Amino acid sequence: MAGAAGSSGELESVRVTRILRDDIVLGRRPPGSRLIERDIAAELNVSRLPVREAIRTLVAEGVVIARPRTWAVVREFTHDDIRAFAEVREAIETLIFVFAAERHDAAGIARLSEAYRRELVAARDGDAETARRAAAEFHEVAVDLAANEMLGELIAVFLTRLRWLFGQHDDLLAMADEHRVILEAVAARDTAALRAIIPAHLASGQSAAERRLARADIAL
């Protein structure tokens, strides 16, 4: 019975973490929002323990800031944060897509194509949340196709921040079209093209995040 109770508690923590993570990366809990354990527990109809564990996980993922003796808050990213993230991400993701091009099989390309297809359909329908989820999945599938455990571990460190970055894109069709170009290069095993395409694609995402941050600065 104790084991079952422990398993149930772990599942509850995972569920709460997923809900809060989605709320943050999709903008439902904006930067600077306070994460008050008792309020979130009441909102999600859970005890405070899984909420506390979820917040701890999100602190480790870099999207929540813990403040001793007060509430945790959703992280407010700065221009320096975005630039630092972009520098690291460019090196890692270029390698991921190059390896994906070299190592993919037909089933892998089918998965990448399906993620792109769902992103494009959602973008055309104006469904921003689904489009951004599919865009993130496109990159996650590429990690699998790269078949490099160490690269997978490195990208996992900032995967939530990567999803947050996708949430800053306003031009969903443009983002989908960039993924189409990447998909075609991966399918063609054109690693030389990818070494140019990926940095440009990531720079586009960085610019979108910096524009949104600049608008927020002006609003203040």
C-alpha atoms as a PDB file:
ATOM      1  CA  MET A   1       0.000   0.000   0.000  1.00  0.00           C
ATOM      2  CA  ALA A   2       2.824   2.392   0.884  1.00  0.00           C
ATOM      3  CA  GLY A   3       4.425   1.730  -2.502  1.00  0.00           C
ATOM      4  CA  ALA A   4       1.151   2.419  -4.295  1.00  0.00           C
ATOM      5  CA  ALA A   5       0.714   5.657  -2.365  1.00  0.00           C
ATOM      6  CA  GLY A   6       4.261   6.699  -3.261  1.00  0.00           C
ATOM      7  CA  SER A   7       3.680   5.900  -6.930  1.00  0.00           C
ATOM      8  CA  SER A   8       0.447   7.897  -6.910  1.00  0.00           C
ATOM      9  CA  GLY A   9       2.246  10.861  -5.372  1.00  0.00           C
ATOM     10  CA  GLU A  10       4.958  10.722  -8.027  1.00  0.00           C
ATOM     11  CA  LEU A  11       2.362  10.629 -10.805  1.00  0.00           C
ATOM     12  CA  GLU A  12       0.605  13.629  -9.259  1.00  0.00           C
ATOM     13  CA  SER A  13       3.878  15.525  -9.144  1.00  0.00           C
ATOM     14  CA  VAL A  14       4.540  14.732 -12.815  1.00  0.00           C
ATOM     15  CA  ARG A  15       1.045  15.909 -13.771  1.00  0.00           C
ATOM     16  CA  VAL A  16       1.360  19.169 -11.818  1.00  0.00           C
ATOM     17  CA  THR A  17       4.811  19.782 -13.306  1.00  0.00           C
ATOM     18  CA  ARG A  18       3.458  19.281 -16.819  1.00  0.00           C
ATOM     19  CA  ILE A  19       0.545  21.664 -16.226  1.00  0.00           C
ATOM     20  CA  LEU A  20       2.730  24.405 -14.743  1.00  0.00           C
ATOM     21  CA  ARG A  21       5.402  23.936 -17.412  1.00  0.00           C
ATOM     22  CA  ASP A  22       2.823  24.288 -20.180  1.00  0.00           C
ATOM     23  CA  ASP A  23       1.308  27.329 -18.463  1.00  0.00           C
ATOM     24  CA  ILE A  24       4.723  28.998 -18.393  1.00  0.00           C
ATOM     25  CA  VAL A  25       6.025  28.169 -21.866  1.00  0.00           C
ATOM     26  CA  LEU A  26       2.686  28.994 -23.494  1.00  0.00           C
ATOM     27  CA  GLY A  27       2.373  32.301 -21.658  1.00  0.00           C
ATOM     28  CA  ARG A  28      -0.593  31.488 -19.430  1.00  0.00           C
ATOM     29  CA  ARG A  29       1.623  32.305 -16.426  1.00  0.00           C
ATOM     30  CA  PRO A  30       3.669  35.291 -17.629  1.00  0.00           C
ATOM     31  CA  PRO A  31       7.177  36.244 -16.444  1.00  0.00           C
ATOM     32  CA  GLY A  32       7.144  37.602 -12.907  1.00  0.00           C
ATOM     33  CA  SER A  33       4.005  35.683 -11.915  1.00  0.00           C
ATOM     34  CA  ARG A  34       4.055  34.380  -8.371  1.00  0.00           C
ATOM     35  CA  LEU A  35       3.695  30.620  -7.881  1.00  0.00           C
ATOM     36  CA  ILE A  36       1.908  30.340  -4.544  1.00  0.00           C
ATOM     37  CA  GLU A  37       1.772  26.726  -3.406  1.00  0.00           C
ATOM     38  CA  ARG A  38      -1.549  26.863  -1.593  1.00  0.00           C
ATOM     39  CA  ASP A  39      -3.284  28.665  -4.469  1.00  0.00           C
ATOM     40  CA  ILE A  40      -1.972  26.260  -7.103  1.00  0.00           C
ATOM     41  CA  ALA A  41      -2.847  23.260  -4.911  1.00  0.00           C
ATOM     42  CA  ALA A  42      -6.421  24.530  -4.584  1.00  0.00           C
ATOM     43  CA  GLU A  43      -6.643  25.303  -8.297  1.00  0.00           C
ATOM     44  CA  LEU A  44      -5.468  21.799  -9.288  1.00  0.00           C
ATOM     45  CA  ASN A  45      -7.178  20.011  -6.391  1.00  0.00           C
ATOM     46  CA  VAL A  46      -3.979  18.455  -5.038  1.00  0.00           C
ATOM     47  CA  SER A  47      -1.968  18.687  -1.852  1.00  0.00           C
ATOM     48  CA  ARG A  48       0.858  21.200  -1.575  1.00  0.00           C
ATOM     49  CA  LEU A  49       3.578  18.504  -1.804  1.00  0.00           C
ATOM     50  CA  PRO A  50       3.312  17.790  -5.570  1.00  0.00           C
ATOM     51  CA  VAL A  51       3.136  21.532  -6.197  1.00  0.00           C
ATOM     52  CA  ARG A  52       6.321  22.035  -4.181  1.00  0.00           C
ATOM     53  CA  GLU A  53       8.043  19.226  -6.123  1.00  0.00           C
ATOM     54  CA  ALA A  54       6.851  20.647  -9.438  1.00  0.00           C
ATOM     55  CA  ILE A  55       8.227  24.076  -8.606  1.00  0.00           C
ATOM     56  CA  ARG A  56      11.561  22.513  -7.634  1.00  0.00           C
ATOM     57  CA  THR A  57      11.698  20.740 -11.006  1.00  0.00           C
ATOM     58  CA  LEU A  58      10.916  23.939 -12.908  1.00  0.00           C
ATOM     59  CA  VAL A  59      13.621  25.793 -10.997  1.00  0.00           C
ATOM     60  CA  ALA A  60      16.076  23.129 -12.200  1.00  0.00           C
ATOM     61  CA  GLU A  61      14.776  23.568 -15.766  1.00  0.00           C
ATOM     62  CA  GLY A  62      15.539  27.284 -15.608  1.00  0.00           C
ATOM     63  CA  VAL A  63      12.064  28.780 -16.006  1.00  0.00           C
ATOM     64  CA  VAL A  64      11.235  29.475 -12.343  1.00  0.00           C
ATOM     65  CA  ILE A  65      13.218  31.415  -9.743  1.00  0.00           C
ATOM     66  CA  ALA A  66      13.107  30.243  -6.123  1.00  0.00           C
ATOM     67  CA  ARG A  67      13.043  32.977  -3.513  1.00  0.00           C
ATOM     68  CA  PRO A  68      13.757  31.861   0.067  1.00  0.00           C
ATOM     69  CA  ARG A  69      11.047  32.703   2.601  1.00  0.00           C
ATOM     70  CA  THR A  70       8.711  33.955  -0.122  1.00  0.00           C
ATOM     71  CA  TRP A  71       6.985  32.748  -3.299  1.00  0.00           C
ATOM     72  CA  ALA A  72       8.735  31.332  -6.336  1.00  0.00           C
ATOM     73  CA  VAL A  73       8.185  33.368  -9.504  1.00  0.00           C
ATOM     74  CA  VAL A  74       8.181  32.667 -13.222  1.00  0.00           C
ATOM     75  CA  ARG A  75      11.560  33.705 -14.555  1.00  0.00           C
ATOM     76  CA  GLU A  76      11.839  37.023 -16.353  1.00  0.00           C
ATOM     77  CA  PHE A  77      14.372  36.432 -19.129  1.00  0.00           C
ATOM     78  CA  THR A  78      16.718  39.277 -20.035  1.00  0.00           C
ATOM     79  CA  HIS A  79      18.331  40.126 -23.369  1.00  0.00           C
ATOM     80  CA  ASP A  80      21.605  38.701 -21.992  1.00  0.00           C
ATOM     81  CA  ASP A  81      19.820  35.453 -21.040  1.00  0.00           C
ATOM     82  CA  ILE A  82      18.445  35.084 -24.571  1.00  0.00           C
ATOM     83  CA  ARG A  83      21.808  35.768 -26.204  1.00  0.00           C
ATOM     84  CA  ALA A  84      23.662  33.338 -23.922  1.00  0.00           C
ATOM     85  CA  PHE A  85      21.053  30.673 -24.580  1.00  0.00           C
ATOM     86  CA  ALA A  86      21.288  31.255 -28.332  1.00  0.00           C
ATOM     87  CA  GLU A  87      25.071  30.862 -28.356  1.00  0.00           C
ATOM     88  CA  VAL A  88      24.967  27.481 -26.635  1.00  0.00           C
ATOM     89  CA  ARG A  89      21.916  26.286 -28.517  1.00  0.00           C
ATOM     90  CA  GLU A  90      23.400  27.051 -31.941  1.00  0.00           C
ATOM     91  CA  ALA A  91      26.395  24.782 -31.398  1.00  0.00           C
ATOM     92  CA  ILE A  92      24.358  21.893 -29.993  1.00  0.00           C
ATOM     93  CA  GLU A  93      21.403  22.034 -32.378  1.00  0.00           C
ATOM     94  CA  THR A  94      23.557  22.342 -35.485  1.00  0.00           C
ATOM     95  CA  LEU A  95      25.262  19.098 -34.491  1.00  0.00           C
ATOM     96  CA  ILE A  96      21.900  17.473 -33.743  1.00  0.00           C
ATOM     97  CA  PHE A  97      20.479  18.214 -37.194  1.00  0.00           C
ATOM     98  CA  VAL A  98      23.723  17.287 -38.967  1.00  0.00           C
ATOM     99  CA  PHE A  99      23.757  13.919 -37.190  1.00  0.00           C
ATOM    100  CA  ALA A 100      20.030  13.484 -37.865  1.00  0.00           C
ATOM    101  CA  ALA A 101      20.741  13.988 -41.574  1.00  0.00           C
ATOM    102  CA  GLU A 102      23.540  11.456 -41.527  1.00  0.00           C
ATOM    103  CA  ARG A 103      21.805   8.798 -39.400  1.00  0.00           C
ATOM    104  CA  HIS A 104      18.066   8.921 -40.066  1.00  0.00           C
ATOM    105  CA  ASP A 105      16.013   6.112 -41.534  1.00  0.00           C
ATOM    106  CA  ALA A 106      12.661   6.185 -43.335  1.00  0.00           C
ATOM    107  CA  ALA A 107      10.693   5.852 -40.099  1.00  0.00           C
ATOM    108  CA  GLY A 108      12.601   8.763 -38.568  1.00  0.00           C
ATOM    109  CA  ILE A 109      11.925  11.052 -41.529  1.00  0.00           C
ATOM    110  CA  ALA A 110       8.254  10.074 -41.335  1.00  0.00           C
ATOM    111  CA  ARG A 111       8.154  11.217 -37.687  1.00  0.00           C
ATOM    112  CA  LEU A 112       9.876  14.503 -38.527  1.00  0.00           C
ATOM    113  CA  SER A 113       7.508  15.049 -41.449  1.00  0.00           C
ATOM    114  CA  GLU A 114       4.475  14.390 -39.266  1.00  0.00           C
ATOM    115  CA  ALA A 115       5.596  16.937 -36.663  1.00  0.00           C
ATOM    116  CA  TYR A 116       6.082  19.493 -39.448  1.00  0.00           C
ATOM    117  CA  ARG A 117       2.682  18.651 -40.986  1.00  0.00           C
ATOM    118  CA  ARG A 118       0.860  19.187 -37.674  1.00  0.00           C
ATOM    119  CA  GLU A 119       2.723  22.451 -37.130  1.00  0.00           C
ATOM    120  CA  LEU A 120       1.790  23.720 -40.597  1.00  0.00           C
ATOM    121  CA  VAL A 121      -1.880  22.771 -40.264  1.00  0.00           C
ATOM    122  CA  ALA A 122      -2.115  24.439 -36.852  1.00  0.00           C
ATOM    123  CA  ALA A 123      -0.302  27.552 -38.101  1.00  0.00           C
ATOM    124  CA  ARG A 124      -2.723  27.847 -41.035  1.00  0.00           C
ATOM    125  CA  ASP A 125      -5.652  27.443 -38.630  1.00  0.00           C
ATOM    126  CA  GLY A 126      -4.267  30.101 -36.283  1.00  0.00           C
ATOM    127  CA  ASP A 127      -3.911  27.531 -33.477  1.00  0.00           C
ATOM    128  CA  ALA A 128      -0.788  28.990 -31.865  1.00  0.00           C
ATOM    129  CA  GLU A 129      -0.609  26.550 -28.961  1.00  0.00           C
ATOM    130  CA  THR A 130      -0.716  23.435 -31.160  1.00  0.00           C
ATOM    131  CA  ALA A 131       1.703  24.967 -33.684  1.00  0.00           C
ATOM    132  CA  ARG A 132       4.242  25.750 -30.977  1.00  0.00           C
ATOM    133  CA  ARG A 133       3.930  22.287 -29.446  1.00  0.00           C
ATOM    134  CA  ALA A 134       4.518  20.697 -32.843  1.00  0.00           C
ATOM    135  CA  ALA A 135       7.483  23.015 -33.496  1.00  0.00           C
ATOM    136  CA  ALA A 136       9.076  21.889 -30.245  1.00  0.00           C
ATOM    137  CA  GLU A 137       8.362  18.260 -31.129  1.00  0.00           C
ATOM    138  CA  PHE A 138      10.097  18.770 -34.502  1.00  0.00           C
ATOM    139  CA  HIS A 139      13.314  19.582 -32.653  1.00  0.00           C
ATOM    140  CA  GLU A 140      12.783  16.759 -30.147  1.00  0.00           C
ATOM    141  CA  VAL A 141      12.403  14.202 -32.952  1.00  0.00           C
ATOM    142  CA  ALA A 142      15.661  15.471 -34.458  1.00  0.00           C
ATOM    143  CA  VAL A 143      17.378  14.698 -31.145  1.00  0.00           C
ATOM    144  CA  ASP A 144      16.170  11.097 -31.413  1.00  0.00           C
ATOM    145  CA  LEU A 145      17.335  10.841 -35.025  1.00  0.00           C
ATOM    146  CA  ALA A 146      20.777  12.193 -34.106  1.00  0.00           C
ATOM    147  CA  ALA A 147      21.268   9.059 -31.986  1.00  0.00           C
ATOM    148  CA  ASN A 148      23.861  10.661 -29.731  1.00  0.00           C
ATOM    149  CA  GLU A 149      23.175  10.141 -26.034  1.00  0.00           C
ATOM    150  CA  MET A 150      25.439  12.952 -24.852  1.00  0.00           C
ATOM    151  CA  LEU A 151      23.823  15.501 -27.170  1.00  0.00           C
ATOM    152  CA  GLY A 152      20.446  14.306 -25.929  1.00  0.00           C
ATOM    153  CA  GLU A 153      21.505  14.916 -22.339  1.00  0.00           C
ATOM    154  CA  LEU A 154      22.823  18.379 -23.165  1.00  0.00           C
ATOM    155  CA  ILE A 155      19.650  19.483 -24.968  1.00  0.00           C
ATOM    156  CA  ALA A 156      17.506  18.102 -22.123  1.00  0.00           C
ATOM    157  CA  VAL A 157      19.100  20.642 -19.773  1.00  0.00           C
ATOM    158  CA  PHE A 158      17.418  23.518 -21.597  1.00  0.00           C
ATOM    159  CA  LEU A 159      14.494  21.797 -23.324  1.00  0.00           C
ATOM    160  CA  THR A 160      11.902  23.777 -21.345  1.00  0.00           C
ATOM    161  CA  ARG A 161      13.667  27.033 -22.194  1.00  0.00           C
ATOM    162  CA  LEU A 162      13.644  25.931 -25.820  1.00  0.00           C
ATOM    163  CA  ARG A 163       9.872  25.472 -25.650  1.00  0.00           C
ATOM    164  CA  TRP A 164       9.588  28.908 -24.017  1.00  0.00           C
ATOM    165  CA  LEU A 165      11.524  30.388 -26.947  1.00  0.00           C
ATOM    166  CA  PHE A 166       9.070  28.875 -29.445  1.00  0.00           C
ATOM    167  CA  GLY A 167       6.311  30.579 -27.491  1.00  0.00           C
ATOM    168  CA  GLN A 168       7.786  33.953 -28.463  1.00  0.00           C
ATOM    169  CA  HIS A 169       7.193  33.438 -32.191  1.00  0.00           C
ATOM    170  CA  ASP A 170       4.323  35.497 -33.581  1.00  0.00           C
ATOM    171  CA  ASP A 171       4.717  34.471 -37.243  1.00  0.00           C
ATOM    172  CA  LEU A 172       3.735  30.818 -36.998  1.00  0.00           C
ATOM    173  CA  LEU A 173       3.652  30.266 -40.765  1.00  0.00           C
ATOM    174  CA  ALA A 174       7.184  31.630 -41.158  1.00  0.00           C
ATOM    175  CA  MET A 175       8.433  29.296 -38.423  1.00  0.00           C
ATOM    176  CA  ALA A 176       6.727  26.333 -40.094  1.00  0.00           C
ATOM    177  CA  ASP A 177       8.288  27.255 -43.426  1.00  0.00           C
ATOM    178  CA  GLU A 178      11.745  27.319 -41.835  1.00  0.00           C
ATOM    179  CA  HIS A 179      11.079  23.814 -40.547  1.00  0.00           C
ATOM    180  CA  ARG A 180      10.072  22.737 -44.059  1.00  0.00           C
ATOM    181  CA  VAL A 181      13.473  23.841 -45.370  1.00  0.00           C
ATOM    182  CA  ILE A 182      15.221  21.991 -42.541  1.00  0.00           C
ATOM    183  CA  LEU A 183      13.156  18.851 -43.156  1.00  0.00           C
ATOM    184  CA  GLU A 184      14.088  18.848 -46.833  1.00  0.00           C
ATOM    185  CA  ALA A 185      17.795  19.199 -46.011  1.00  0.00           C
ATOM    186  CA  VAL A 186      17.675  16.417 -43.419  1.00  0.00           C
ATOM    187  CA  ALA A 187      15.838  14.101 -45.824  1.00  0.00           C
ATOM    188  CA  ALA A 188      18.433  14.865 -48.523  1.00  0.00           C
ATOM    189  CA  ARG A 189      21.283  14.304 -46.032  1.00  0.00           C
ATOM    190  CA  ASP A 190      22.582  17.751 -46.993  1.00  0.00           C
ATOM    191  CA  THR A 191      24.782  18.447 -43.980  1.00  0.00           C
ATOM    192  CA  ALA A 192      26.542  21.407 -45.629  1.00  0.00           C
ATOM    193  CA  ALA A 193      23.222  23.195 -46.095  1.00  0.00           C
ATOM    194  CA  LEU A 194      22.174  22.435 -42.521  1.00  0.00           C
ATOM    195  CA  ARG A 195      25.342  24.033 -41.130  1.00  0.00           C
ATOM    196  CA  ALA A 196      24.084  27.302 -42.646  1.00  0.00           C
ATOM    197  CA  ILE A 197      20.325  26.792 -42.230  1.00  0.00           C
ATOM    198  CA  ILE A 198      20.255  25.937 -38.526  1.00  0.00           C
ATOM    199  CA  PRO A 199      22.126  29.046 -37.262  1.00  0.00           C
ATOM    200  CA  ALA A 200      19.852  31.240 -39.401  1.00  0.00           C
ATOM    201  CA  HIS A 201      16.749  29.455 -38.076  1.00  0.00           C
ATOM    202  CA  LEU A 202      17.877  29.855 -34.482  1.00  0.00           C
ATOM    203  CA  ALA A 203      18.735  33.517 -35.055  1.00  0.00           C
ATOM    204  CA  SER A 204      15.150  34.020 -36.209  1.00  0.00           C
ATOM    205  CA  GLY A 205      13.868  32.601 -32.922  1.00  0.00           C
ATOM    206  CA  GLN A 206      16.279  34.740 -30.927  1.00  0.00           C
ATOM    207  CA  SER A 207      15.109  37.865 -32.758  1.00  0.00           C
ATOM    208  CA  ALA A 208      11.466  37.027 -32.048  1.00  0.00           C
ATOM    209  CA  ALA A 209      12.198  36.629 -28.341  1.00  0.00           C
ATOM    210  CA  GLU A 210      14.180  39.873 -28.192  1.00  0.00           C
ATOM    211  CA  ARG A 211      11.418  41.796 -29.994  1.00  0.00           C
ATOM    212  CA  ARG A 212       8.807  40.546 -27.559  1.00  0.00           C
ATOM    213  CA  LEU A 213      11.066  41.388 -24.617  1.00  0.00           C
ATOM    214  CA  ALA A 214      11.633  44.883 -26.017  1.00  0.00           C
ATOM    215  CA  ARG A 215       7.866  45.408 -26.291  1.00  0.00           C
ATOM    216  CA  ALA A 216       7.498  44.327 -22.667  1.00  0.00           C
ATOM    217  CA  ASP A 217      10.236  46.788 -21.623  1.00  0.00           C
ATOM    218  CA  ILE A 218       8.426  49.627 -23.414  1.00  0.00           C
ATOM    219  CA  ALA A 219       5.118  48.679 -21.762  1.00  0.00           C
ATOM    220  CA  LEU A 220       6.784  49.030 -18.365  1.00  0.00           C
END
